[in-house]
C-alpha atoms as a PDB file:
ATOM      1  CA  UNK A   1     -62.547  28.230  25.466  1.00  0.00           C
ATOM      2  CA  UNK A   2     -60.235  29.586  22.799  1.00  0.00           C
ATOM      3  CA  UNK A   3     -57.555  30.209  25.442  1.00  0.00           C
ATOM      4  CA  UNK A   4     -57.708  26.544  26.523  1.00  0.00           C
ATOM      5  CA  UNK A   5     -57.384  25.397  22.923  1.00  0.00           C
ATOM      6  CA  UNK A   6     -54.464  27.764  22.386  1.00  0.00           C
ATOM      7  CA  UNK A   7     -52.706  26.467  25.521  1.00  0.00           C
ATOM      8  CA  UNK A   8     -53.299  22.845  24.471  1.00  0.00           C
ATOM      9  CA  UNK A   9     -52.001  23.557  20.978  1.00  0.00           C
ATOM     10  CA  UNK A  10     -48.922  25.253  22.439  1.00  0.00           C
ATOM     11  CA  UNK A  11     -48.288  22.223  24.681  1.00  0.00           C
ATOM     12  CA  UNK A  12     -48.574  19.835  21.723  1.00  0.00           C
ATOM     13  CA  UNK A  13     -46.260  22.012  19.658  1.00  0.00           C
ATOM     14  CA  UNK A  14     -43.700  22.111  22.476  1.00  0.00           C
ATOM     15  CA  UNK A  15     -43.949  18.340  22.953  1.00  0.00           C
ATOM     16  CA  UNK A  16     -43.120  17.781  19.283  1.00  0.00           C
ATOM     17  CA  UNK A  17     -39.905  19.735  19.561  1.00  0.00           C
ATOM     18  CA  UNK A  18     -38.239  17.218  21.889  1.00  0.00           C
ATOM     19  CA  UNK A  19     -35.194  15.402  20.632  1.00  0.00           C
ATOM     20  CA  UNK A  20     -34.652  11.686  21.217  1.00  0.00           C
ATOM     21  CA  UNK A  21     -33.436  11.190  24.778  1.00  0.00           C
ATOM     22  CA  UNK A  22     -35.112  14.387  26.066  1.00  0.00           C
ATOM     23  CA  UNK A  23     -38.059  14.516  28.411  1.00  0.00           C
ATOM     24  CA  UNK A  24     -40.225  17.448  29.472  1.00  0.00           C
ATOM     25  CA  UNK A  25     -40.503  18.374  33.161  1.00  0.00           C
ATOM     26  CA  UNK A  26     -42.148  21.547  34.424  1.00  0.00           C
ATOM     27  CA  UNK A  27     -41.973  23.208  31.014  1.00  0.00           C
ATOM     28  CA  UNK A  28     -38.172  22.761  30.627  1.00  0.00           C
ATOM     29  CA  UNK A  29     -36.442  20.183  28.469  1.00  0.00           C
ATOM     30  CA  UNK A  30     -33.935  17.959  30.245  1.00  0.00           C
ATOM     31  CA  UNK A  31     -31.617  15.455  28.669  1.00  0.00           C
ATOM     32  CA  UNK A  32     -31.879  11.848  29.781  1.00  0.00           C
ATOM     33  CA  UNK A  33     -28.749   9.834  29.077  1.00  0.00           C
ATOM     34  CA  UNK A  34     -29.206   6.988  26.638  1.00  0.00           C
ATOM     35  CA  UNK A  35     -28.811   3.528  28.143  1.00  0.00           C
ATOM     36  CA  UNK A  36     -25.314   2.147  27.709  1.00  0.00           C
ATOM     37  CA  UNK A  37     -24.749  -1.349  26.443  1.00  0.00           C
ATOM     38  CA  UNK A  38     -21.475  -2.968  27.422  1.00  0.00           C
ATOM     39  CA  UNK A  39     -19.370  -4.010  24.432  1.00  0.00           C
ATOM     40  CA  UNK A  40     -19.601  -7.629  23.444  1.00  0.00           C
ATOM     41  CA  UNK A  41     -16.724  -9.590  24.844  1.00  0.00           C
ATOM     42  CA  UNK A  42     -15.137 -12.205  22.686  1.00  0.00           C
ATOM     43  CA  UNK A  43     -13.202 -14.963  24.302  1.00  0.00           C
ATOM     44  CA  UNK A  44     -10.640 -16.640  22.144  1.00  0.00           C
ATOM     45  CA  UNK A  45     -10.225 -20.193  23.243  1.00  0.00           C
ATOM     46  CA  UNK A  46      -6.921 -21.889  22.550  1.00  0.00           C
ATOM     47  CA  UNK A  47      -7.102 -24.325  19.649  1.00  0.00           C
ATOM     48  CA  UNK A  48      -7.689 -27.949  20.516  1.00  0.00           C
ATOM     49  CA  UNK A  49      -4.570 -29.967  19.733  1.00  0.00           C
ATOM     50  CA  UNK A  50      -4.756 -33.635  18.821  1.00  0.00           C
ATOM     51  CA  UNK A  51      -1.881 -35.877  19.930  1.00  0.00           C
ATOM     52  CA  UNK A  52      -0.286 -38.118  17.300  1.00  0.00           C
ATOM     53  CA  UNK A  53       2.398 -40.748  17.869  1.00  0.00           C
ATOM     54  CA  UNK A  54       4.962 -41.009  15.078  1.00  0.00           C
ATOM     55  CA  UNK A  55       5.222 -44.469  13.519  1.00  0.00           C
ATOM     56  CA  UNK A  56       7.901 -45.964  11.279  1.00  0.00           C
ATOM     57  CA  UNK A  57       7.908 -44.346   7.818  1.00  0.00           C
ATOM     58  CA  UNK A  58       6.178 -41.124   8.889  1.00  0.00           C
ATOM     59  CA  UNK A  59       7.419 -37.781   7.691  1.00  0.00           C
ATOM     60  CA  UNK A  60       6.193 -34.397   8.838  1.00  0.00           C
ATOM     61  CA  UNK A  61       4.843 -33.551   5.398  1.00  0.00           C
ATOM     62  CA  UNK A  62       2.850 -36.808   5.293  1.00  0.00           C
ATOM     63  CA  UNK A  63       1.413 -36.134   8.741  1.00  0.00           C
ATOM     64  CA  UNK A  64       0.542 -32.549   7.809  1.00  0.00           C
ATOM     65  CA  UNK A  65      -1.169 -33.730   4.602  1.00  0.00           C
ATOM     66  CA  UNK A  66      -3.053 -36.454   6.477  1.00  0.00           C
ATOM     67  CA  UNK A  67      -4.542 -33.893   8.880  1.00  0.00           C
ATOM     68  CA  UNK A  68      -5.063 -31.138   6.286  1.00  0.00           C
ATOM     69  CA  UNK A  69      -2.696 -28.670   7.916  1.00  0.00           C
ATOM     70  CA  UNK A  70       0.322 -26.733   6.708  1.00  0.00           C
ATOM     71  CA  UNK A  71       3.754 -28.177   7.433  1.00  0.00           C
ATOM     72  CA  UNK A  72       4.912 -24.894   8.976  1.00  0.00           C
ATOM     73  CA  UNK A  73       2.004 -24.988  11.462  1.00  0.00           C
ATOM     74  CA  UNK A  74       2.958 -28.517  12.518  1.00  0.00           C
ATOM     75  CA  UNK A  75       6.604 -27.527  12.981  1.00  0.00           C
ATOM     76  CA  UNK A  76       5.700 -24.329  14.882  1.00  0.00           C
ATOM     77  CA  UNK A  77       3.216 -25.955  17.275  1.00  0.00           C
ATOM     78  CA  UNK A  78       5.668 -28.729  18.147  1.00  0.00           C
ATOM     79  CA  UNK A  79       8.699 -26.416  18.365  1.00  0.00           C
ATOM     80  CA  UNK A  80      10.706 -28.641  16.021  1.00  0.00           C
ATOM     81  CA  UNK A  81      14.190 -27.292  15.337  1.00  0.00           C
ATOM     82  CA  UNK A  82      15.013 -29.652  12.446  1.00  0.00           C
ATOM     83  CA  UNK A  83      11.950 -30.764  10.464  1.00  0.00           C
ATOM     84  CA  UNK A  84      13.950 -33.609   8.887  1.00  0.00           C
ATOM     85  CA  UNK A  85      14.475 -35.317  12.245  1.00  0.00           C
ATOM     86  CA  UNK A  86      11.534 -37.000  13.936  1.00  0.00           C
ATOM     87  CA  UNK A  87      11.623 -40.383  15.617  1.00  0.00           C
ATOM     88  CA  UNK A  88       9.331 -43.369  16.127  1.00  0.00           C
ATOM     89  CA  UNK A  89       7.282 -42.947  19.298  1.00  0.00           C
ATOM     90  CA  UNK A  90       7.575 -39.147  19.292  1.00  0.00           C
ATOM     91  CA  UNK A  91       4.266 -37.516  20.231  1.00  0.00           C
ATOM     92  CA  UNK A  92       3.314 -34.588  18.039  1.00  0.00           C
ATOM     93  CA  UNK A  93       0.498 -32.177  18.746  1.00  0.00           C
ATOM     94  CA  UNK A  94      -1.666 -31.677  15.649  1.00  0.00           C
ATOM     95  CA  UNK A  95      -3.298 -28.224  15.369  1.00  0.00           C
ATOM     96  CA  UNK A  96      -6.788 -27.914  13.879  1.00  0.00           C
ATOM     97  CA  UNK A  97      -6.972 -27.308  10.133  1.00  0.00           C
ATOM     98  CA  UNK A  98      -7.322 -23.677   9.067  1.00  0.00           C
ATOM     99  CA  UNK A  99     -10.804 -22.205   8.682  1.00  0.00           C
ATOM    100  CA  UNK A 100     -11.565 -22.083   4.938  1.00  0.00           C
ATOM    101  CA  UNK A 101     -13.742 -18.987   5.471  1.00  0.00           C
ATOM    102  CA  UNK A 102     -10.818 -17.080   7.000  1.00  0.00           C
ATOM    103  CA  UNK A 103      -9.089 -16.720   3.630  1.00  0.00           C
ATOM    104  CA  UNK A 104      -5.393 -17.123   2.966  1.00  0.00           C
ATOM    105  CA  UNK A 105      -3.019 -16.656   5.871  1.00  0.00           C
ATOM    106  CA  UNK A 106      -0.503 -14.970   3.601  1.00  0.00           C
ATOM    107  CA  UNK A 107      -0.936 -13.270   0.290  1.00  0.00           C
ATOM    108  CA  UNK A 108       2.020 -12.642  -1.958  1.00  0.00           C
ATOM    109  CA  UNK A 109       1.944  -9.697  -4.307  1.00  0.00           C
ATOM    110  CA  UNK A 110       2.392 -10.623  -7.955  1.00  0.00           C
ATOM    111  CA  UNK A 111       5.769  -9.988  -9.468  1.00  0.00           C
ATOM    112  CA  UNK A 112       6.128  -6.668 -11.177  1.00  0.00           C
ATOM    113  CA  UNK A 113       8.036  -6.063 -14.375  1.00  0.00           C
ATOM    114  CA  UNK A 114      11.110  -4.060 -13.506  1.00  0.00           C
ATOM    115  CA  UNK A 115      11.969  -1.117 -15.713  1.00  0.00           C
ATOM    116  CA  UNK A 116      15.073  -2.168 -17.569  1.00  0.00           C
ATOM    117  CA  UNK A 117      17.466   0.328 -19.094  1.00  0.00           C
ATOM    118  CA  UNK A 118      17.322   0.563 -22.874  1.00  0.00           C
ATOM    119  CA  UNK A 119      19.695  -1.646 -24.812  1.00  0.00           C
ATOM    120  CA  UNK A 120      22.546   0.251 -26.405  1.00  0.00           C
ATOM    121  CA  UNK A 121      24.099  -0.896 -29.658  1.00  0.00           C
ATOM    122  CA  UNK A 122      27.460  -2.547 -29.308  1.00  0.00           C
ATOM    123  CA  UNK A 123      30.461  -1.391 -31.279  1.00  0.00           C
ATOM    124  CA  UNK A 124      33.078  -3.646 -32.722  1.00  0.00           C
ATOM    125  CA  UNK A 125      36.705  -2.701 -32.690  1.00  0.00           C
ATOM    126  CA  UNK A 126      38.907  -2.881 -35.765  1.00  0.00           C
ATOM    127  CA  UNK A 127      40.938  -6.070 -36.005  1.00  0.00           C
ATOM    128  CA  UNK A 128      44.248  -5.864 -34.234  1.00  0.00           C
ATOM    129  CA  UNK A 129      47.333  -6.999 -36.109  1.00  0.00           C
ATOM    130  CA  UNK A 130      50.320  -8.212 -34.192  1.00  0.00           C
ATOM    131  CA  UNK A 131      53.656  -7.754 -35.950  1.00  0.00           C
ATOM    132  CA  UNK A 132      55.391 -11.039 -36.612  1.00  0.00           C
ATOM    133  CA  UNK A 133      52.188 -13.082 -36.195  1.00  0.00           C
ATOM    134  CA  UNK A 134      50.855 -14.965 -39.122  1.00  0.00           C
END
């Protein structure tokens, strides 16, 4: 009976020494590959553009402000060469406003104080006298 208990205890002790992903077959440890999960695929859909027809008195900056977008985005999306020239009846595509959670599109580093050379004292020359001048 003690031999059976010893064999059972040895089996329990061997079973505890398995690593995650290992299984025991016929007294030898074999490695079972962990299941693979395919990476999540993200599909980026193109932004939905809203058409807008230019009316008399419109300017690009007014249109951009009206839709809450940046002027440069409006110019870029519509491939406008000269932002000062739009015409009545022109159809502009309005991009969606930027996501406020995305943060700023561009950050500008603060200006740094340049190291200026030390100021040197100036010297004055002695007055010059011109012969014959009064």
